[in-house]
Amino acid sequence: MDLLQFLNENYFFLVPVLWVIGYALKQTPKVPDWAIIWVLFGLSLVLAGLGFGYTIEAITNGIIATGVAVFGQQAVKQLAEAKSLKSKKK
């Protein structure tokens, strides 16, 4: 299933913004890992609301953008770890 088909194209800008902010938060020692998703979620809702008004569509697309960003980051991370483990076994 392609999550991007559910995300309105006006909200695509949120995904890379959330990736960069998530990466920065991950490098910050005072921010626990469990809090990063919640910070990204809240920020996505605020940015979507400010950019397109606080409507159901904006909230829904903010939620979807957060999901796409977090899912994409986790997919990249898991693939990198799998490749690393595979190369160590050889």
Protein backbone atom coordinates (compact mmCIF):
# COMPACT_ATOMS: atom_id res chain seq x y z
CA MET A 1 0.00 0.00 0.00
CA ASP A 2 1.34 3.42 -0.97
CA LEU A 3 0.66 5.86 1.86
CA LEU A 4 1.46 8.83 -0.35
CA GLN A 5 -1.71 8.25 -2.36
CA PHE A 6 -3.70 9.26 0.73
CA LEU A 7 -1.68 12.44 1.34
CA ASN A 8 -2.86 15.56 -0.45
CA GLU A 9 -0.03 16.93 -2.61
CA ASN A 10 -0.19 20.28 -0.79
CA TYR A 11 1.10 18.52 2.32
CA PHE A 12 4.10 16.76 0.74
CA PHE A 13 6.39 19.47 2.10
CA LEU A 14 5.71 18.22 5.63
CA VAL A 15 7.42 14.86 5.12
CA PRO A 16 11.00 16.11 4.52
CA VAL A 17 10.52 18.84 7.13
CA LEU A 18 9.53 16.21 9.69
CA TRP A 19 12.49 14.00 8.67
CA VAL A 20 14.95 16.83 9.28
CA ILE A 21 13.37 17.84 12.59
CA GLY A 22 13.18 14.20 13.69
CA TYR A 23 16.86 13.72 12.88
CA ALA A 24 17.77 16.84 14.84
CA LEU A 25 15.70 15.69 17.81
CA LYS A 26 17.34 12.25 17.67
CA GLN A 27 20.74 13.94 18.02
CA THR A 28 19.55 15.91 21.06
CA PRO A 29 20.43 14.02 24.25
CA LYS A 30 17.72 15.67 26.35
CA VAL A 31 14.88 14.47 24.10
CA PRO A 32 13.92 10.84 24.79
CA ASP A 33 13.23 8.66 21.75
CA TRP A 34 9.63 8.03 22.78
CA ALA A 35 8.94 11.79 22.74
CA ILE A 36 10.17 12.38 19.19
CA ILE A 37 7.06 10.90 17.55
CA TRP A 38 4.83 13.09 19.70
CA VAL A 39 6.81 16.24 18.92
CA LEU A 40 6.63 15.45 15.20
CA PHE A 41 2.92 14.70 15.46
CA GLY A 42 2.15 17.99 17.19
CA LEU A 43 4.38 19.99 14.88
CA SER A 44 2.78 18.40 11.83
CA LEU A 45 -0.69 19.35 13.04
CA VAL A 46 0.40 22.92 13.78
CA LEU A 47 2.15 23.36 10.42
CA ALA A 48 -0.77 21.85 8.50
CA GLY A 49 -3.21 24.03 10.39
CA LEU A 50 -1.20 27.21 9.90
CA GLY A 51 -0.64 26.48 6.23
CA PHE A 52 -4.12 25.37 5.25
CA GLY A 53 -6.44 26.27 8.12
CA TYR A 54 -7.55 24.13 11.01
CA THR A 55 -9.93 21.89 9.11
CA ILE A 56 -10.57 18.17 9.24
CA GLU A 57 -8.63 17.82 5.97
CA ALA A 58 -5.60 19.65 7.39
CA ILE A 59 -5.63 17.57 10.57
CA THR A 60 -6.03 14.33 8.63
CA ASN A 61 -3.22 15.22 6.24
CA GLY A 62 -1.01 16.28 9.14
CA ILE A 63 -1.53 12.88 10.74
CA ILE A 64 -0.82 11.09 7.45
CA ALA A 65 2.31 13.19 6.85
CA THR A 66 3.61 12.21 10.29
CA GLY A 67 2.91 8.56 9.54
CA VAL A 68 4.67 8.72 6.18
CA ALA A 69 7.69 10.48 7.69
CA VAL A 70 8.06 8.09 10.62
CA PHE A 71 7.37 5.00 8.50
CA GLY A 72 9.86 6.14 5.87
CA GLN A 73 12.55 6.84 8.45
CA GLN A 74 12.02 3.46 10.09
CA ALA A 75 12.10 1.67 6.73
CA VAL A 76 15.43 3.32 5.84
CA LYS A 77 16.83 2.53 9.29
CA GLN A 78 15.75 -1.12 9.19
CA LEU A 79 17.15 -1.64 5.68
CA ALA A 80 20.48 -0.14 6.72
CA GLU A 81 20.62 -2.39 9.79
CA ALA A 82 19.72 -5.46 7.74
CA LYS A 83 22.45 -4.71 5.20
CA SER A 84 24.93 -4.16 8.02
CA LEU A 85 24.07 -7.49 9.64
CA LYS A 86 24.20 -9.28 6.30
CA SER A 87 27.67 -7.92 5.51
CA LYS A 88 28.96 -8.90 8.99
CA LYS A 89 27.84 -12.52 8.47
CA LYS A 90 29.93 -12.87 5.32
